[in-house]
Amino acid sequence: MAGKLTRWTWFLAATVALVLVFAAYLNPHLAVDLANRVWACF
Protein backbone atom coordinates (compact mmCIF):
# COMPACT_ATOMS: atom_id res chain seq x y z
CA MET A 1 0.00 0.00 0.00
CA ALA A 2 2.80 2.42 0.86
CA GLY A 3 4.40 1.78 -2.55
CA LYS A 4 1.24 2.77 -4.37
CA LEU A 5 0.85 5.88 -2.23
CA THR A 6 4.44 6.91 -2.96
CA ARG A 7 3.96 6.30 -6.69
CA TRP A 8 0.75 8.39 -6.76
CA THR A 9 2.42 11.15 -4.77
CA TRP A 10 5.27 11.38 -7.28
CA PHE A 11 2.82 11.22 -10.17
CA LEU A 12 0.76 14.04 -8.68
CA ALA A 13 3.87 16.16 -8.01
CA ALA A 14 5.10 15.69 -11.58
CA THR A 15 1.68 16.54 -12.99
CA VAL A 16 1.45 19.71 -10.92
CA ALA A 17 4.95 20.74 -12.01
CA LEU A 18 4.08 20.21 -15.69
CA VAL A 19 0.84 22.17 -15.36
CA LEU A 20 2.70 25.07 -13.75
CA VAL A 21 5.32 25.09 -16.51
CA PHE A 22 2.71 25.02 -19.27
CA ALA A 23 0.71 27.73 -17.51
CA ALA A 24 3.85 29.89 -17.29
CA TYR A 25 4.28 29.66 -21.07
CA LEU A 26 0.81 31.14 -21.57
CA ASN A 27 2.36 34.46 -20.55
CA PRO A 28 3.93 35.78 -23.78
CA HIS A 29 6.37 38.05 -21.95
CA LEU A 30 7.91 35.05 -20.19
CA ALA A 31 8.33 33.14 -23.45
CA VAL A 32 10.01 36.13 -25.14
CA ASP A 33 12.25 36.73 -22.13
CA LEU A 34 13.39 33.10 -22.07
CA ALA A 35 14.03 33.13 -25.82
CA ASN A 36 16.10 36.30 -25.47
CA ARG A 37 18.14 34.75 -22.65
CA VAL A 38 18.84 31.63 -24.69
CA TRP A 39 19.72 33.71 -27.77
CA ALA A 40 22.12 35.82 -25.67
CA CYS A 41 24.20 32.70 -25.00
CA PHE A 42 25.18 32.56 -28.67
PDB file of N, CA and C in Angstrom:
ATOM      1  N   MET A   1       0.820  -1.204   0.000  1.00  0.00           N
ATOM      2  CA  MET A   1       0.000   0.000   0.000  1.00  0.00           C
ATOM      3  C   MET A   1       0.859   1.260   0.000  1.00  0.00           C
ATOM      4  N   ALA A   2       1.934   1.244   0.784  1.00  0.00           N
ATOM      5  CA  ALA A   2       2.803   2.425   0.857  1.00  0.00           C
ATOM      6  C   ALA A   2       3.486   2.679  -0.485  1.00  0.00           C
ATOM      7  N   GLY A   3       3.774   1.616  -1.237  1.00  0.00           N
ATOM      8  CA  GLY A   3       4.399   1.779  -2.551  1.00  0.00           C
ATOM      9  C   GLY A   3       3.480   2.481  -3.526  1.00  0.00           C
ATOM     10  N   LYS A   4       2.200   2.114  -3.489  1.00  0.00           N
ATOM     11  CA  LYS A   4       1.241   2.771  -4.374  1.00  0.00           C
ATOM     12  C   LYS A   4       1.057   4.226  -3.993  1.00  0.00           C
ATOM     13  N   LEU A   5       1.019   4.502  -2.691  1.00  0.00           N
ATOM     14  CA  LEU A   5       0.851   5.879  -2.233  1.00  0.00           C
ATOM     15  C   LEU A   5       2.043   6.728  -2.657  1.00  0.00           C
ATOM     16  N   THR A   6       3.237   6.191  -2.548  1.00  0.00           N
ATOM     17  CA  THR A   6       4.438   6.914  -2.964  1.00  0.00           C
ATOM     18  C   THR A   6       4.420   7.165  -4.472  1.00  0.00           C
ATOM     19  N   ARG A   7       4.018   6.157  -5.233  1.00  0.00           N
ATOM     20  CA  ARG A   7       3.956   6.304  -6.690  1.00  0.00           C
ATOM     21  C   ARG A   7       2.949   7.391  -7.073  1.00  0.00           C
ATOM     22  N   TRP A   8       1.771   7.386  -6.449  1.00  0.00           N
ATOM     23  CA  TRP A   8       0.752   8.386  -6.764  1.00  0.00           C
ATOM     24  C   TRP A   8       1.193   9.780  -6.321  1.00  0.00           C
ATOM     25  N   THR A   9       1.924   9.856  -5.222  1.00  0.00           N
ATOM     26  CA  THR A   9       2.424  11.152  -4.769  1.00  0.00           C
ATOM     27  C   THR A   9       3.412  11.724  -5.779  1.00  0.00           C
ATOM     28  N   TRP A  10       4.320  10.912  -6.278  1.00  0.00           N
ATOM     29  CA  TRP A  10       5.275  11.375  -7.283  1.00  0.00           C
ATOM     30  C   TRP A  10       4.570  11.735  -8.583  1.00  0.00           C
ATOM     31  N   PHE A  11       3.583  10.933  -8.961  1.00  0.00           N
ATOM     32  CA  PHE A  11       2.823  11.218 -10.174  1.00  0.00           C
ATOM     33  C   PHE A  11       2.090  12.554 -10.055  1.00  0.00           C
ATOM     34  N   LEU A  12       1.484  12.791  -8.905  1.00  0.00           N
ATOM     35  CA  LEU A  12       0.763  14.041  -8.676  1.00  0.00           C
ATOM     36  C   LEU A  12       1.731  15.231  -8.670  1.00  0.00           C
ATOM     37  N   ALA A  13       2.879  15.074  -8.042  1.00  0.00           N
ATOM     38  CA  ALA A  13       3.866  16.160  -8.007  1.00  0.00           C
ATOM     39  C   ALA A  13       4.370  16.482  -9.409  1.00  0.00           C
ATOM     40  N   ALA A  14       4.630  15.463 -10.217  1.00  0.00           N
ATOM     41  CA  ALA A  14       5.105  15.687 -11.581  1.00  0.00           C
ATOM     42  C   ALA A  14       4.023  16.354 -12.427  1.00  0.00           C
ATOM     43  N   THR A  15       2.782  15.941 -12.242  1.00  0.00           N
ATOM     44  CA  THR A  15       1.676  16.538 -12.990  1.00  0.00           C
ATOM     45  C   THR A  15       1.500  18.004 -12.632  1.00  0.00           C
ATOM     46  N   VAL A  16       1.570  18.315 -11.351  1.00  0.00           N
ATOM     47  CA  VAL A  16       1.446  19.713 -10.917  1.00  0.00           C
ATOM     48  C   VAL A  16       2.588  20.546 -11.487  1.00  0.00           C
ATOM     49  N   ALA A  17       3.803  20.009 -11.472  1.00  0.00           N
ATOM     50  CA  ALA A  17       4.948  20.739 -12.010  1.00  0.00           C
ATOM     51  C   ALA A  17       4.766  21.013 -13.507  1.00  0.00           C
ATOM     52  N   LEU A  18       4.289  20.012 -14.254  1.00  0.00           N
ATOM     53  CA  LEU A  18       4.077  20.215 -15.689  1.00  0.00           C
ATOM     54  C   LEU A  18       2.982  21.238 -15.959  1.00  0.00           C
ATOM     55  N   VAL A  19       1.919  21.192 -15.188  1.00  0.00           N
ATOM     56  CA  VAL A  19       0.837  22.168 -15.365  1.00  0.00           C
ATOM     57  C   VAL A  19       1.343  23.578 -15.089  1.00  0.00           C
ATOM     58  N   LEU A  20       2.155  23.740 -14.058  1.00  0.00           N
ATOM     59  CA  LEU A  20       2.696  25.068 -13.755  1.00  0.00           C
ATOM     60  C   LEU A  20       3.619  25.569 -14.856  1.00  0.00           C
ATOM     61  N   VAL A  21       4.424  24.686 -15.421  1.00  0.00           N
ATOM     62  CA  VAL A  21       5.321  25.089 -16.505  1.00  0.00           C
ATOM     63  C   VAL A  21       4.522  25.490 -17.736  1.00  0.00           C
ATOM     64  N   PHE A  22       3.521  24.689 -18.090  1.00  0.00           N
ATOM     65  CA  PHE A  22       2.706  25.022 -19.266  1.00  0.00           C
ATOM     66  C   PHE A  22       1.915  26.298 -19.027  1.00  0.00           C
ATOM     67  N   ALA A  23       1.450  26.504 -17.816  1.00  0.00           N
ATOM     68  CA  ALA A  23       0.711  27.729 -17.506  1.00  0.00           C
ATOM     69  C   ALA A  23       1.632  28.941 -17.590  1.00  0.00           C
ATOM     70  N   ALA A  24       2.901  28.779 -17.213  1.00  0.00           N
ATOM     71  CA  ALA A  24       3.848  29.891 -17.293  1.00  0.00           C
ATOM     72  C   ALA A  24       4.078  30.303 -18.742  1.00  0.00           C
ATOM     73  N   TYR A  25       4.058  29.344 -19.664  1.00  0.00           N
ATOM     74  CA  TYR A  25       4.283  29.663 -21.070  1.00  0.00           C
ATOM     75  C   TYR A  25       3.081  30.347 -21.713  1.00  0.00           C
ATOM     76  N   LEU A  26       1.951  30.402 -21.037  1.00  0.00           N
ATOM     77  CA  LEU A  26       0.815  31.137 -21.565  1.00  0.00           C
ATOM     78  C   LEU A  26       1.047  32.639 -21.490  1.00  0.00           C
ATOM     79  N   ASN A  27       1.998  33.046 -20.651  1.00  0.00           N
ATOM     80  CA  ASN A  27       2.364  34.456 -20.551  1.00  0.00           C
ATOM     81  C   ASN A  27       3.376  34.757 -21.658  1.00  0.00           C
ATOM     82  N   PRO A  28       3.011  35.555 -22.660  1.00  0.00           N
ATOM     83  CA  PRO A  28       3.929  35.780 -23.783  1.00  0.00           C
ATOM     84  C   PRO A  28       5.212  36.500 -23.388  1.00  0.00           C
ATOM     85  N   HIS A  29       5.159  37.333 -22.370  1.00  0.00           N
ATOM     86  CA  HIS A  29       6.366  38.048 -21.946  1.00  0.00           C
ATOM     87  C   HIS A  29       7.418  37.078 -21.413  1.00  0.00           C
ATOM     88  N   LEU A  30       6.976  36.043 -20.711  1.00  0.00           N
ATOM     89  CA  LEU A  30       7.910  35.049 -20.191  1.00  0.00           C
ATOM     90  C   LEU A  30       8.570  34.287 -21.334  1.00  0.00           C
ATOM     91  N   ALA A  31       7.782  33.890 -22.329  1.00  0.00           N
ATOM     92  CA  ALA A  31       8.334  33.143 -23.454  1.00  0.00           C
ATOM     93  C   ALA A  31       9.362  33.981 -24.212  1.00  0.00           C
ATOM     94  N   VAL A  32       9.072  35.251 -24.436  1.00  0.00           N
ATOM     95  CA  VAL A  32      10.013  36.130 -25.143  1.00  0.00           C
ATOM     96  C   VAL A  32      11.267  36.348 -24.306  1.00  0.00           C
ATOM     97  N   ASP A  33      11.097  36.522 -23.007  1.00  0.00           N
ATOM     98  CA  ASP A  33      12.249  36.732 -22.127  1.00  0.00           C
ATOM     99  C   ASP A  33      13.162  35.508 -22.120  1.00  0.00           C
ATOM    100  N   LEU A  34      12.582  34.321 -22.050  1.00  0.00           N
ATOM    101  CA  LEU A  34      13.393  33.099 -22.072  1.00  0.00           C
ATOM    102  C   LEU A  34      14.094  32.933 -23.405  1.00  0.00           C
ATOM    103  N   ALA A  35      13.387  33.238 -24.494  1.00  0.00           N
ATOM    104  CA  ALA A  35      14.026  33.129 -25.821  1.00  0.00           C
ATOM    105  C   ALA A  35      15.179  34.114 -25.938  1.00  0.00           C
ATOM    106  N   ASN A  36      15.019  35.314 -25.424  1.00  0.00           N
ATOM    107  CA  ASN A  36      16.102  36.303 -25.473  1.00  0.00           C
ATOM    108  C   ASN A  36      17.286  35.847 -24.633  1.00  0.00           C
ATOM    109  N   ARG A  37      17.028  35.242 -23.493  1.00  0.00           N
ATOM    110  CA  ARG A  37      18.141  34.755 -22.653  1.00  0.00           C
ATOM    111  C   ARG A  37      18.902  33.639 -23.327  1.00  0.00           C
ATOM    112  N   VAL A  38      18.176  32.725 -23.978  1.00  0.00           N
ATOM    113  CA  VAL A  38      18.843  31.631 -24.689  1.00  0.00           C
ATOM    114  C   VAL A  38      19.636  32.183 -25.869  1.00  0.00           C
ATOM    115  N   TRP A  39      19.054  33.116 -26.626  1.00  0.00           N
ATOM    116  CA  TRP A  39      19.722  33.714 -27.769  1.00  0.00           C
ATOM    117  C   TRP A  39      20.986  34.467 -27.338  1.00  0.00           C
ATOM    118  N   ALA A  40      20.967  35.067 -26.157  1.00  0.00           N
ATOM    119  CA  ALA A  40      22.122  35.820 -25.674  1.00  0.00           C
ATOM    120  C   ALA A  40      23.325  34.909 -25.409  1.00  0.00           C
ATOM    121  N   CYS A  41      23.077  33.628 -25.221  1.00  0.00           N
ATOM    122  CA  CYS A  41      24.195  32.697 -24.997  1.00  0.00           C
ATOM    123  C   CYS A  41      25.031  32.484 -26.244  1.00  0.00           C
ATOM    124  N   PHE A  42      24.459  32.759 -27.419  1.00  0.00           N
ATOM    125  CA  PHE A  42      25.179  32.555 -28.675  1.00  0.00           C
ATOM    126  C   PHE A  42      25.662  33.873 -29.145  1.00  0.00           C
TER     127      PHE A  42
END
